[in-house]
Amino acid sequence: MKKKITYKDAGVDIDRANSFVERIKPLIKSATRREVMSGIGGFGGLFHLDISKNRDPVLVSSTDGVGTKLKIAQIMDKHDTVGIDLVAMSVNDVVVQGAEPLFFLDYIATGKILVDTSVQIVEGIVRGCQEAGCALIGGETAEMPGFYPDGEYDLAGFCVGVVEADKLIDGSEIRVGDRIIGIASSGLHSNGFSLARRVLLDEGKLNPDQHIESFDQTIGLELLKPTKIYVKSILNVIKNFRIRGIVHITGGGFIDNIPRILPGPCRAVIRTGSWPVLPIFELIQKTGNIDLMEMLRVFNMGIGMMIVVAEKDHAEILERLEKLGETAYSIGVIEKKESDTPAVSFI
């Protein structure tokens, strides 16, 4: 008789997937909010927006991934921090609008579900949600044999936040004379890894397990430092201060991200020596012989978030950020933009 073929024979193990879901249920319960109405296992996640708390709510959404940083995690077989990166990339984009992240959903795609690896990923996602104060209300794990090689996976995340309409931060209030504050990053965060891998691992022939004295750890662990989540600090500051604009230094670095919030008549002038460039960026630039402007367009260079504030609030906001545990620097000023000047200049 001809053998009967099952879904498992084709590479998809439903029982293993169900085992994974059972293992992560207790984790997900620890990343919740009182507005969550559903548990894991439903067709959709339910979140009851408290309209008594929000007079004129605007929902703010963002979706993102971790990019080729996942290659480093897979090379090192260390998967417990990339989930933090996944959450950070979306919640940081949401909070720059002044919005509080409410809930998060994740998508894991892989050739074959490795339960222990996938649990590590979700552990990171849960920690990221806890750090951002949002709930993990659902997700999808897609087993796709023949599409991804065994041991490889990709991640995507989706976040929704809320802000009062009259407190939305969009950069429209930025004025000439405003000051720019930069908040320190933890490292590369989750951008520029294609260039970093090419320079350090391919051209520089560095091994991820190689210890680097300036990092006091291996190059692999330095590259895997989780993206910093700025949500609670930013929300704390905007309770008491009118912030003119916020920039998440993500893909596109300084050069492409800062103009996204600038009104037409304004330009940002950044003092490049006003903060310490982290050793990882110095290593990448030196090893790859990379031009400074290219570095500023690809990497955060040690500044993960920028806030534009009125001159009168500048010193007090720097002090508040320090009390919140952030390392912040006065890094620039808003000037009038002439027709022949770029939106972002460096001095």
C-alpha atoms as a PDB file:
ATOM      1  CA  MET A   1       0.000   0.000   0.000  1.00  0.00           C
ATOM      2  CA  LYS A   2       1.133   3.544  -0.738  1.00  0.00           C
ATOM      3  CA  LYS A   3       2.387   5.328   2.377  1.00  0.00           C
ATOM      4  CA  LYS A   4       0.070   7.969   3.767  1.00  0.00           C
ATOM      5  CA  ILE A   5       1.822  11.344   3.942  1.00  0.00           C
ATOM      6  CA  THR A   6       1.216  13.634   6.912  1.00  0.00           C
ATOM      7  CA  TYR A   7       1.843  17.336   7.539  1.00  0.00           C
ATOM      8  CA  LYS A   8       4.710  16.249   9.812  1.00  0.00           C
ATOM      9  CA  ASP A   9       6.273  14.368   6.901  1.00  0.00           C
ATOM     10  CA  ALA A  10       6.179  17.640   4.966  1.00  0.00           C
ATOM     11  CA  GLY A  11       8.116  19.371   7.734  1.00  0.00           C
ATOM     12  CA  VAL A  12       5.401  20.952   9.891  1.00  0.00           C
ATOM     13  CA  ASP A  13       4.990  19.435  13.362  1.00  0.00           C
ATOM     14  CA  ILE A  14       1.705  20.668  14.854  1.00  0.00           C
ATOM     15  CA  ASP A  15       2.295  18.876  18.162  1.00  0.00           C
ATOM     16  CA  ARG A  16       5.681  20.569  18.557  1.00  0.00           C
ATOM     17  CA  ALA A  17       4.087  23.936  17.791  1.00  0.00           C
ATOM     18  CA  ASN A  18       1.404  23.318  20.404  1.00  0.00           C
ATOM     19  CA  SER A  19       4.087  22.356  22.924  1.00  0.00           C
ATOM     20  CA  PHE A  20       5.804  25.677  22.261  1.00  0.00           C
ATOM     21  CA  VAL A  21       2.568  27.604  22.833  1.00  0.00           C
ATOM     22  CA  GLU A  22       2.004  25.845  26.156  1.00  0.00           C
ATOM     23  CA  ARG A  23       5.524  26.734  27.303  1.00  0.00           C
ATOM     24  CA  ILE A  24       5.168  30.430  26.534  1.00  0.00           C
ATOM     25  CA  LYS A  25       1.706  30.953  28.042  1.00  0.00           C
ATOM     26  CA  PRO A  26       3.073  31.618  31.572  1.00  0.00           C
ATOM     27  CA  LEU A  27       5.632  34.040  30.118  1.00  0.00           C
ATOM     28  CA  ILE A  28       3.034  36.029  28.235  1.00  0.00           C
ATOM     29  CA  LYS A  29       0.853  36.392  31.339  1.00  0.00           C
ATOM     30  CA  SER A  30       3.669  38.409  32.897  1.00  0.00           C
ATOM     31  CA  ALA A  31       3.490  41.008  30.093  1.00  0.00           C
ATOM     32  CA  THR A  32      -0.072  42.256  30.419  1.00  0.00           C
ATOM     33  CA  ARG A  33      -2.171  45.311  31.319  1.00  0.00           C
ATOM     34  CA  ARG A  34      -5.571  45.609  32.943  1.00  0.00           C
ATOM     35  CA  GLU A  35      -7.149  46.527  29.582  1.00  0.00           C
ATOM     36  CA  VAL A  36      -6.312  43.120  28.072  1.00  0.00           C
ATOM     37  CA  MET A  37      -9.465  41.016  27.688  1.00  0.00           C
ATOM     38  CA  SER A  38      -8.137  37.851  26.073  1.00  0.00           C
ATOM     39  CA  GLY A  39      -5.610  35.119  26.729  1.00  0.00           C
ATOM     40  CA  ILE A  40      -3.322  33.369  24.282  1.00  0.00           C
ATOM     41  CA  GLY A  41      -5.082  30.990  21.912  1.00  0.00           C
ATOM     42  CA  GLY A  42      -7.906  33.104  20.540  1.00  0.00           C
ATOM     43  CA  PHE A  43      -8.184  34.206  16.930  1.00  0.00           C
ATOM     44  CA  GLY A  44      -7.488  37.811  17.865  1.00  0.00           C
ATOM     45  CA  GLY A  45      -6.120  39.695  20.835  1.00  0.00           C
ATOM     46  CA  LEU A  46      -8.654  41.853  22.683  1.00  0.00           C
ATOM     47  CA  PHE A  47      -7.786  45.194  24.268  1.00  0.00           C
ATOM     48  CA  HIS A  48     -10.401  47.456  25.843  1.00  0.00           C
ATOM     49  CA  LEU A  49      -9.322  51.072  25.319  1.00  0.00           C
ATOM     50  CA  ASP A  50     -10.206  53.105  28.392  1.00  0.00           C
ATOM     51  CA  ILE A  51     -11.937  56.136  26.870  1.00  0.00           C
ATOM     52  CA  SER A  52     -12.489  57.662  30.310  1.00  0.00           C
ATOM     53  CA  LYS A  53      -8.722  58.032  30.493  1.00  0.00           C
ATOM     54  CA  ASN A  54      -8.462  59.393  26.931  1.00  0.00           C
ATOM     55  CA  ARG A  55     -10.660  62.387  26.004  1.00  0.00           C
ATOM     56  CA  ASP A  56      -9.623  62.606  22.344  1.00  0.00           C
ATOM     57  CA  PRO A  57      -7.426  59.577  21.652  1.00  0.00           C
ATOM     58  CA  VAL A  58      -5.188  59.128  18.631  1.00  0.00           C
ATOM     59  CA  LEU A  59      -3.883  55.617  18.012  1.00  0.00           C
ATOM     60  CA  VAL A  60      -0.259  55.391  16.906  1.00  0.00           C
ATOM     61  CA  SER A  61       1.042  52.175  15.329  1.00  0.00           C
ATOM     62  CA  SER A  62       4.409  50.866  14.210  1.00  0.00           C
ATOM     63  CA  THR A  63       5.810  47.665  12.774  1.00  0.00           C
ATOM     64  CA  ASP A  64       9.438  46.628  12.426  1.00  0.00           C
ATOM     65  CA  GLY A  65      11.906  43.760  12.613  1.00  0.00           C
ATOM     66  CA  VAL A  66      15.417  43.134  13.891  1.00  0.00           C
ATOM     67  CA  GLY A  67      17.152  42.844  10.528  1.00  0.00           C
ATOM     68  CA  THR A  68      20.415  40.982  10.039  1.00  0.00           C
ATOM     69  CA  LYS A  69      21.307  41.292  13.712  1.00  0.00           C
ATOM     70  CA  LEU A  70      19.549  37.930  13.782  1.00  0.00           C
ATOM     71  CA  LYS A  71      22.512  36.494  11.874  1.00  0.00           C
ATOM     72  CA  ILE A  72      24.753  37.239  14.860  1.00  0.00           C
ATOM     73  CA  ALA A  73      22.269  35.598  17.248  1.00  0.00           C
ATOM     74  CA  GLN A  74      22.123  32.514  15.038  1.00  0.00           C
ATOM     75  CA  ILE A  75      25.913  32.310  14.637  1.00  0.00           C
ATOM     76  CA  MET A  76      26.360  32.504  18.407  1.00  0.00           C
ATOM     77  CA  ASP A  77      23.299  30.388  19.198  1.00  0.00           C
ATOM     78  CA  LYS A  78      22.181  33.083  21.638  1.00  0.00           C
ATOM     79  CA  HIS A  79      18.547  34.069  21.247  1.00  0.00           C
ATOM     80  CA  ASP A  80      17.483  35.598  24.570  1.00  0.00           C
ATOM     81  CA  THR A  81      17.969  39.280  23.653  1.00  0.00           C
ATOM     82  CA  VAL A  82      16.713  39.679  20.069  1.00  0.00           C
ATOM     83  CA  GLY A  83      13.139  39.701  21.370  1.00  0.00           C
ATOM     84  CA  ILE A  84      14.002  42.840  23.340  1.00  0.00           C
ATOM     85  CA  ASP A  85      15.295  44.365  20.091  1.00  0.00           C
ATOM     86  CA  LEU A  86      12.057  43.454  18.342  1.00  0.00           C
ATOM     87  CA  VAL A  87       9.922  45.267  20.907  1.00  0.00           C
ATOM     88  CA  ALA A  88      12.298  48.224  21.147  1.00  0.00           C
ATOM     89  CA  MET A  89      12.227  49.021  17.439  1.00  0.00           C
ATOM     90  CA  SER A  90       8.457  49.500  17.448  1.00  0.00           C
ATOM     91  CA  VAL A  91       7.822  51.005  20.887  1.00  0.00           C
ATOM     92  CA  ASN A  92      10.594  53.574  20.374  1.00  0.00           C
ATOM     93  CA  ASP A  93       8.922  54.640  17.134  1.00  0.00           C
ATOM     94  CA  VAL A  94       5.563  54.956  18.892  1.00  0.00           C
ATOM     95  CA  VAL A  95       6.787  56.983  21.869  1.00  0.00           C
ATOM     96  CA  VAL A  96       8.429  59.652  19.680  1.00  0.00           C
ATOM     97  CA  GLN A  97       4.896  60.786  18.836  1.00  0.00           C
ATOM     98  CA  GLY A  98       4.202  61.189  22.544  1.00  0.00           C
ATOM     99  CA  ALA A  99       2.173  57.967  22.614  1.00  0.00           C
ATOM    100  CA  GLU A 100       2.093  55.368  25.362  1.00  0.00           C
ATOM    101  CA  PRO A 101       2.562  51.852  23.906  1.00  0.00           C
ATOM    102  CA  LEU A 102      -0.493  49.743  24.760  1.00  0.00           C
ATOM    103  CA  PHE A 103      -0.012  46.343  23.189  1.00  0.00           C
ATOM    104  CA  PHE A 104       2.391  44.351  21.039  1.00  0.00           C
ATOM    105  CA  LEU A 105       2.146  41.365  18.707  1.00  0.00           C
ATOM    106  CA  ASP A 106       5.000  39.283  17.337  1.00  0.00           C
ATOM    107  CA  TYR A 107       5.594  37.132  14.266  1.00  0.00           C
ATOM    108  CA  ILE A 108       8.249  34.386  14.210  1.00  0.00           C
ATOM    109  CA  ALA A 109       8.954  32.647  10.905  1.00  0.00           C
ATOM    110  CA  THR A 110      11.249  29.626  10.755  1.00  0.00           C
ATOM    111  CA  GLY A 111      11.956  26.509   8.732  1.00  0.00           C
ATOM    112  CA  LYS A 112      11.517  24.257  11.746  1.00  0.00           C
ATOM    113  CA  ILE A 113      10.307  25.234  15.206  1.00  0.00           C
ATOM    114  CA  LEU A 114      13.071  24.681  17.734  1.00  0.00           C
ATOM    115  CA  VAL A 115      11.132  24.952  20.962  1.00  0.00           C
ATOM    116  CA  ASP A 116      13.996  25.969  23.245  1.00  0.00           C
ATOM    117  CA  THR A 117      15.215  28.631  20.794  1.00  0.00           C
ATOM    118  CA  SER A 118      11.707  29.987  20.277  1.00  0.00           C
ATOM    119  CA  VAL A 119      11.087  30.146  24.031  1.00  0.00           C
ATOM    120  CA  GLN A 120      14.289  32.196  24.437  1.00  0.00           C
ATOM    121  CA  ILE A 121      13.038  34.603  21.770  1.00  0.00           C
ATOM    122  CA  VAL A 122       9.676  35.026  23.506  1.00  0.00           C
ATOM    123  CA  GLU A 123      11.405  35.511  26.868  1.00  0.00           C
ATOM    124  CA  GLY A 124      13.149  38.517  25.293  1.00  0.00           C
ATOM    125  CA  ILE A 125       9.894  39.816  23.821  1.00  0.00           C
ATOM    126  CA  VAL A 126       8.246  39.591  27.245  1.00  0.00           C
ATOM    127  CA  ARG A 127      11.142  41.474  28.888  1.00  0.00           C
ATOM    128  CA  GLY A 128      10.896  44.161  26.215  1.00  0.00           C
ATOM    129  CA  CYS A 129       7.158  44.550  26.757  1.00  0.00           C
ATOM    130  CA  GLN A 130       7.635  44.766  30.509  1.00  0.00           C
ATOM    131  CA  GLU A 131      10.297  47.440  30.041  1.00  0.00           C
ATOM    132  CA  ALA A 132       8.004  49.408  27.717  1.00  0.00           C
ATOM    133  CA  GLY A 133       4.920  48.933  29.904  1.00  0.00           C
ATOM    134  CA  CYS A 134       2.854  47.360  27.115  1.00  0.00           C
ATOM    135  CA  ALA A 135       0.998  44.062  26.898  1.00  0.00           C
ATOM    136  CA  LEU A 136       1.899  41.119  24.677  1.00  0.00           C
ATOM    137  CA  ILE A 137      -1.559  40.122  23.459  1.00  0.00           C
ATOM    138  CA  GLY A 138      -0.818  37.741  20.605  1.00  0.00           C
ATOM    139  CA  GLY A 139       1.466  36.560  17.861  1.00  0.00           C
ATOM    140  CA  GLU A 140       2.140  33.978  15.205  1.00  0.00           C
ATOM    141  CA  THR A 141       4.818  31.336  14.823  1.00  0.00           C
ATOM    142  CA  ALA A 142       5.006  30.130  11.231  1.00  0.00           C
ATOM    143  CA  GLU A 143       6.832  26.879  10.477  1.00  0.00           C
ATOM    144  CA  MET A 144       7.861  27.130   6.822  1.00  0.00           C
ATOM    145  CA  PRO A 145      10.012  24.172   5.718  1.00  0.00           C
ATOM    146  CA  GLY A 146      11.765  24.748   2.416  1.00  0.00           C
ATOM    147  CA  PHE A 147      11.537  28.513   2.835  1.00  0.00           C
ATOM    148  CA  TYR A 148      13.950  28.988   5.746  1.00  0.00           C
ATOM    149  CA  PRO A 149      16.914  26.644   6.343  1.00  0.00           C
ATOM    150  CA  ASP A 150      16.839  24.755   9.641  1.00  0.00           C
ATOM    151  CA  GLY A 151      18.147  26.906  12.479  1.00  0.00           C
ATOM    152  CA  GLU A 152      17.265  30.200  10.795  1.00  0.00           C
ATOM    153  CA  TYR A 153      14.336  32.457  11.626  1.00  0.00           C
ATOM    154  CA  ASP A 154      13.026  35.952  11.076  1.00  0.00           C
ATOM    155  CA  LEU A 155      11.098  38.227  13.431  1.00  0.00           C
ATOM    156  CA  ALA A 156       8.559  40.994  12.976  1.00  0.00           C
ATOM    157  CA  GLY A 157       6.675  43.008  15.566  1.00  0.00           C
ATOM    158  CA  PHE A 158       3.668  45.309  15.679  1.00  0.00           C
ATOM    159  CA  CYS A 159       2.798  47.863  18.349  1.00  0.00           C
ATOM    160  CA  VAL A 160      -0.178  50.154  19.009  1.00  0.00           C
ATOM    161  CA  GLY A 161      -0.049  53.150  21.345  1.00  0.00           C
ATOM    162  CA  VAL A 162      -2.315  56.041  22.256  1.00  0.00           C
ATOM    163  CA  VAL A 163      -1.867  59.783  22.746  1.00  0.00           C
ATOM    164  CA  GLU A 164      -4.259  62.660  23.350  1.00  0.00           C
ATOM    165  CA  ALA A 165      -4.733  64.593  20.099  1.00  0.00           C
ATOM    166  CA  ASP A 166      -3.602  67.861  21.658  1.00  0.00           C
ATOM    167  CA  LYS A 167      -0.441  66.221  23.014  1.00  0.00           C
ATOM    168  CA  LEU A 168       0.674  64.606  19.772  1.00  0.00           C
ATOM    169  CA  ILE A 169       4.352  65.332  19.093  1.00  0.00           C
ATOM    170  CA  ASP A 170       5.038  65.763  15.377  1.00  0.00           C
ATOM    171  CA  GLY A 171       7.766  68.411  15.177  1.00  0.00           C
ATOM    172  CA  SER A 172       5.446  71.183  13.997  1.00  0.00           C
ATOM    173  CA  GLU A 173       6.235  73.281  17.082  1.00  0.00           C
ATOM    174  CA  ILE A 174      10.000  73.259  16.541  1.00  0.00           C
ATOM    175  CA  ARG A 175      11.413  76.779  16.364  1.00  0.00           C
ATOM    176  CA  VAL A 176      14.759  78.445  15.631  1.00  0.00           C
ATOM    177  CA  GLY A 177      16.769  78.591  18.841  1.00  0.00           C
ATOM    178  CA  ASP A 178      15.465  75.304  20.262  1.00  0.00           C
ATOM    179  CA  ARG A 179      18.046  72.970  21.736  1.00  0.00           C
ATOM    180  CA  ILE A 180      18.708  69.322  20.849  1.00  0.00           C
ATOM    181  CA  ILE A 181      19.328  66.766  23.588  1.00  0.00           C
ATOM    182  CA  GLY A 182      20.778  63.375  22.712  1.00  0.00           C
ATOM    183  CA  ILE A 183      20.111  60.323  24.890  1.00  0.00           C
ATOM    184  CA  ALA A 184      22.804  57.640  24.846  1.00  0.00           C
ATOM    185  CA  SER A 185      22.329  54.346  23.038  1.00  0.00           C
ATOM    186  CA  SER A 186      23.458  50.950  24.316  1.00  0.00           C
ATOM    187  CA  GLY A 187      25.346  50.137  21.115  1.00  0.00           C
ATOM    188  CA  LEU A 188      24.379  49.460  17.514  1.00  0.00           C
ATOM    189  CA  HIS A 189      20.767  48.799  18.534  1.00  0.00           C
ATOM    190  CA  SER A 190      19.267  47.045  15.468  1.00  0.00           C
ATOM    191  CA  ASN A 191      20.510  49.060  12.491  1.00  0.00           C
ATOM    192  CA  GLY A 192      23.523  48.891  10.209  1.00  0.00           C
ATOM    193  CA  PHE A 193      24.269  45.230  10.795  1.00  0.00           C
ATOM    194  CA  SER A 194      24.762  44.381   7.137  1.00  0.00           C
ATOM    195  CA  LEU A 195      27.630  46.877   7.036  1.00  0.00           C
ATOM    196  CA  ALA A 196      28.905  45.910  10.500  1.00  0.00           C
ATOM    197  CA  ARG A 197      29.012  42.199   9.615  1.00  0.00           C
ATOM    198  CA  ARG A 198      30.683  42.907   6.267  1.00  0.00           C
ATOM    199  CA  VAL A 199      33.368  45.070   7.886  1.00  0.00           C
ATOM    200  CA  LEU A 200      34.049  43.153  11.097  1.00  0.00           C
ATOM    201  CA  LEU A 201      33.405  39.512  10.245  1.00  0.00           C
ATOM    202  CA  ASP A 202      34.093  39.342   6.495  1.00  0.00           C
ATOM    203  CA  GLU A 203      36.717  42.011   5.790  1.00  0.00           C
ATOM    204  CA  GLY A 204      38.191  42.221   9.305  1.00  0.00           C
ATOM    205  CA  LYS A 205      38.156  38.436   9.818  1.00  0.00           C
ATOM    206  CA  LEU A 206      37.069  38.867  13.445  1.00  0.00           C
ATOM    207  CA  ASN A 207      35.535  35.872  15.164  1.00  0.00           C
ATOM    208  CA  PRO A 208      32.314  36.532  17.126  1.00  0.00           C
ATOM    209  CA  ASP A 209      33.915  34.737  20.095  1.00  0.00           C
ATOM    210  CA  GLN A 210      37.008  36.964  19.954  1.00  0.00           C
ATOM    211  CA  HIS A 211      37.505  39.065  23.085  1.00  0.00           C
ATOM    212  CA  ILE A 212      37.923  42.800  22.430  1.00  0.00           C
ATOM    213  CA  GLU A 213      39.668  44.758  25.181  1.00  0.00           C
ATOM    214  CA  SER A 214      37.785  48.030  24.604  1.00  0.00           C
ATOM    215  CA  PHE A 215      34.453  46.196  25.081  1.00  0.00           C
ATOM    216  CA  ASP A 216      35.664  43.921  27.902  1.00  0.00           C
ATOM    217  CA  GLN A 217      33.726  41.137  26.182  1.00  0.00           C
ATOM    218  CA  THR A 218      33.535  39.306  22.853  1.00  0.00           C
ATOM    219  CA  ILE A 219      32.692  41.080  19.623  1.00  0.00           C
ATOM    220  CA  GLY A 220      29.605  38.871  19.310  1.00  0.00           C
ATOM    221  CA  LEU A 221      28.210  39.849  22.695  1.00  0.00           C
ATOM    222  CA  GLU A 222      28.915  43.510  21.976  1.00  0.00           C
ATOM    223  CA  LEU A 223      26.966  43.286  18.728  1.00  0.00           C
ATOM    224  CA  LEU A 224      24.088  41.544  20.499  1.00  0.00           C
ATOM    225  CA  LYS A 225      23.602  44.244  23.151  1.00  0.00           C
ATOM    226  CA  PRO A 226      19.833  44.829  23.193  1.00  0.00           C
ATOM    227  CA  THR A 227      18.352  47.994  21.744  1.00  0.00           C
ATOM    228  CA  LYS A 228      17.634  50.475  24.514  1.00  0.00           C
ATOM    229  CA  ILE A 229      13.961  51.105  25.236  1.00  0.00           C
ATOM    230  CA  TYR A 230      13.308  54.779  26.012  1.00  0.00           C
ATOM    231  CA  VAL A 231       9.560  54.628  26.634  1.00  0.00           C
ATOM    232  CA  LYS A 232       9.319  55.178  30.378  1.00  0.00           C
ATOM    233  CA  SER A 233      11.884  57.999  30.409  1.00  0.00           C
ATOM    234  CA  ILE A 234      10.251  59.841  27.504  1.00  0.00           C
ATOM    235  CA  LEU A 235       6.752  59.473  28.965  1.00  0.00           C
ATOM    236  CA  ASN A 236       8.024  60.781  32.286  1.00  0.00           C
ATOM    237  CA  VAL A 237       9.561  63.873  30.689  1.00  0.00           C
ATOM    238  CA  ILE A 238       6.519  64.769  28.604  1.00  0.00           C
ATOM    239  CA  LYS A 239       4.308  64.769  31.701  1.00  0.00           C
ATOM    240  CA  ASN A 240       5.946  67.985  32.848  1.00  0.00           C
ATOM    241  CA  PHE A 241       7.521  69.534  29.757  1.00  0.00           C
ATOM    242  CA  ARG A 242       6.267  70.503  26.318  1.00  0.00           C
ATOM    243  CA  ILE A 243       8.598  68.613  23.976  1.00  0.00           C
ATOM    244  CA  ARG A 244       8.849  70.145  20.496  1.00  0.00           C
ATOM    245  CA  GLY A 245      10.026  67.037  18.654  1.00  0.00           C
ATOM    246  CA  ILE A 246      11.548  63.597  19.188  1.00  0.00           C
ATOM    247  CA  VAL A 247      13.737  61.581  16.819  1.00  0.00           C
ATOM    248  CA  HIS A 248      14.448  57.854  17.056  1.00  0.00           C
ATOM    249  CA  ILE A 249      17.899  57.343  15.510  1.00  0.00           C
ATOM    250  CA  THR A 250      17.095  54.169  13.629  1.00  0.00           C
ATOM    251  CA  GLY A 251      17.713  53.110  10.010  1.00  0.00           C
ATOM    252  CA  GLY A 252      19.141  56.138   8.197  1.00  0.00           C
ATOM    253  CA  GLY A 253      21.083  57.389  11.209  1.00  0.00           C
ATOM    254  CA  PHE A 254      21.262  61.117  11.865  1.00  0.00           C
ATOM    255  CA  ILE A 255      21.075  62.266   8.273  1.00  0.00           C
ATOM    256  CA  ASP A 256      17.802  60.631   7.235  1.00  0.00           C
ATOM    257  CA  ASN A 257      15.905  60.602  10.541  1.00  0.00           C
ATOM    258  CA  ILE A 258      16.274  64.148  11.860  1.00  0.00           C
ATOM    259  CA  PRO A 259      14.648  65.790   8.786  1.00  0.00           C
ATOM    260  CA  ARG A 260      11.528  63.678   9.335  1.00  0.00           C
ATOM    261  CA  ILE A 261      10.376  66.029  12.109  1.00  0.00           C
ATOM    262  CA  LEU A 262      11.812  69.397  11.025  1.00  0.00           C
ATOM    263  CA  PRO A 263       9.520  72.172   9.753  1.00  0.00           C
ATOM    264  CA  GLY A 264      10.604  73.616   6.411  1.00  0.00           C
ATOM    265  CA  PRO A 265      12.235  76.810   7.760  1.00  0.00           C
ATOM    266  CA  CYS A 266      14.428  74.898  10.257  1.00  0.00           C
ATOM    267  CA  ARG A 267      17.645  72.946  10.174  1.00  0.00           C
ATOM    268  CA  ALA A 268      19.464  70.972  12.861  1.00  0.00           C
ATOM    269  CA  VAL A 269      23.092  71.746  13.630  1.00  0.00           C
ATOM    270  CA  ILE A 270      24.784  68.850  15.463  1.00  0.00           C
ATOM    271  CA  ARG A 271      28.079  69.187  17.369  1.00  0.00           C
ATOM    272  CA  THR A 272      29.820  65.890  16.625  1.00  0.00           C
ATOM    273  CA  GLY A 273      32.227  66.139  19.569  1.00  0.00           C
ATOM    274  CA  SER A 274      29.548  66.741  22.178  1.00  0.00           C
ATOM    275  CA  TRP A 275      29.115  63.096  23.166  1.00  0.00           C
ATOM    276  CA  PRO A 276      31.490  60.088  23.399  1.00  0.00           C
ATOM    277  CA  VAL A 277      31.318  57.817  20.364  1.00  0.00           C
ATOM    278  CA  LEU A 278      31.074  54.221  21.566  1.00  0.00           C
ATOM    279  CA  PRO A 279      34.086  51.927  20.898  1.00  0.00           C
ATOM    280  CA  ILE A 280      32.069  49.618  18.620  1.00  0.00           C
ATOM    281  CA  PHE A 281      31.540  52.452  16.133  1.00  0.00           C
ATOM    282  CA  GLU A 282      35.194  53.424  16.257  1.00  0.00           C
ATOM    283  CA  LEU A 283      36.159  49.810  15.517  1.00  0.00           C
ATOM    284  CA  ILE A 284      33.750  49.609  12.567  1.00  0.00           C
ATOM    285  CA  GLN A 285      34.916  52.925  11.106  1.00  0.00           C
ATOM    286  CA  LYS A 286      38.603  52.097  11.473  1.00  0.00           C
ATOM    287  CA  THR A 287      38.357  48.505  10.234  1.00  0.00           C
ATOM    288  CA  GLY A 288      36.251  49.425   7.219  1.00  0.00           C
ATOM    289  CA  ASN A 289      37.926  52.781   6.484  1.00  0.00           C
ATOM    290  CA  ILE A 290      34.432  54.296   6.447  1.00  0.00           C
ATOM    291  CA  ASP A 291      33.811  57.991   5.859  1.00  0.00           C
ATOM    292  CA  LEU A 292      32.323  59.862   8.832  1.00  0.00           C
ATOM    293  CA  MET A 293      29.263  60.982   6.876  1.00  0.00           C
ATOM    294  CA  GLU A 294      28.577  57.374   5.902  1.00  0.00           C
ATOM    295  CA  MET A 295      28.806  56.391   9.583  1.00  0.00           C
ATOM    296  CA  LEU A 296      26.357  59.159  10.502  1.00  0.00           C
ATOM    297  CA  ARG A 297      23.903  57.940   7.883  1.00  0.00           C
ATOM    298  CA  VAL A 298      24.039  54.274   8.899  1.00  0.00           C
ATOM    299  CA  PHE A 299      24.622  54.148  12.655  1.00  0.00           C
ATOM    300  CA  ASN A 300      23.410  55.916  15.808  1.00  0.00           C
ATOM    301  CA  MET A 301      27.039  56.588  16.868  1.00  0.00           C
ATOM    302  CA  GLY A 302      26.086  56.409  20.551  1.00  0.00           C
ATOM    303  CA  ILE A 303      22.896  58.511  20.449  1.00  0.00           C
ATOM    304  CA  GLY A 304      19.697  56.467  20.240  1.00  0.00           C
ATOM    305  CA  MET A 305      17.111  59.176  20.777  1.00  0.00           C
ATOM    306  CA  MET A 306      17.036  62.955  20.334  1.00  0.00           C
ATOM    307  CA  ILE A 307      14.560  65.412  21.809  1.00  0.00           C
ATOM    308  CA  VAL A 308      14.083  69.001  20.688  1.00  0.00           C
ATOM    309  CA  VAL A 309      13.193  71.355  23.514  1.00  0.00           C
ATOM    310  CA  ALA A 310      12.761  75.048  24.202  1.00  0.00           C
ATOM    311  CA  GLU A 311      15.894  76.818  25.394  1.00  0.00           C
ATOM    312  CA  LYS A 312      14.256  77.654  28.751  1.00  0.00           C
ATOM    313  CA  ASP A 313      13.598  73.958  29.511  1.00  0.00           C
ATOM    314  CA  HIS A 314      16.922  72.621  28.277  1.00  0.00           C
ATOM    315  CA  ALA A 315      18.892  72.438  31.554  1.00  0.00           C
ATOM    316  CA  GLU A 316      15.966  71.134  33.599  1.00  0.00           C
ATOM    317  CA  ILE A 317      15.199  68.345  31.113  1.00  0.00           C
ATOM    318  CA  LEU A 318      18.844  67.252  31.109  1.00  0.00           C
ATOM    319  CA  GLU A 319      18.658  67.067  34.906  1.00  0.00           C
ATOM    320  CA  ARG A 320      15.394  65.090  34.784  1.00  0.00           C
ATOM    321  CA  LEU A 321      16.856  62.568  32.330  1.00  0.00           C
ATOM    322  CA  GLU A 322      19.872  62.067  34.579  1.00  0.00           C
ATOM    323  CA  LYS A 323      17.575  61.369  37.541  1.00  0.00           C
ATOM    324  CA  LEU A 324      15.732  58.817  35.398  1.00  0.00           C
ATOM    325  CA  GLY A 325      18.999  56.958  34.848  1.00  0.00           C
ATOM    326  CA  GLU A 326      19.606  58.149  31.301  1.00  0.00           C
ATOM    327  CA  THR A 327      22.909  59.491  30.000  1.00  0.00           C
ATOM    328  CA  ALA A 328      22.049  62.618  28.047  1.00  0.00           C
ATOM    329  CA  TYR A 329      24.028  65.336  26.278  1.00  0.00           C
ATOM    330  CA  SER A 330      23.372  68.758  24.815  1.00  0.00           C
ATOM    331  CA  ILE A 331      24.336  68.032  21.208  1.00  0.00           C
ATOM    332  CA  GLY A 332      22.948  70.762  18.981  1.00  0.00           C
ATOM    333  CA  VAL A 333      20.633  73.605  18.134  1.00  0.00           C
ATOM    334  CA  ILE A 334      17.880  74.461  15.665  1.00  0.00           C
ATOM    335  CA  GLU A 335      18.822  77.223  13.228  1.00  0.00           C
ATOM    336  CA  LYS A 336      17.123  78.918  10.297  1.00  0.00           C
ATOM    337  CA  LYS A 337      17.431  76.936   7.085  1.00  0.00           C
ATOM    338  CA  GLU A 338      18.559  78.800   4.012  1.00  0.00           C
ATOM    339  CA  SER A 339      17.636  77.530   0.557  1.00  0.00           C
ATOM    340  CA  ASP A 340      21.138  76.203  -0.103  1.00  0.00           C
ATOM    341  CA  THR A 341      21.767  74.545   3.278  1.00  0.00           C
ATOM    342  CA  PRO A 342      21.067  70.916   4.203  1.00  0.00           C
ATOM    343  CA  ALA A 343      18.444  70.024   6.782  1.00  0.00           C
ATOM    344  CA  VAL A 344      21.152  68.541   9.019  1.00  0.00           C
ATOM    345  CA  SER A 345      24.645  70.018   9.428  1.00  0.00           C
ATOM    346  CA  PHE A 346      27.573  68.830  11.531  1.00  0.00           C
ATOM    347  CA  ILE A 347      30.195  71.030  13.154  1.00  0.00           C
END
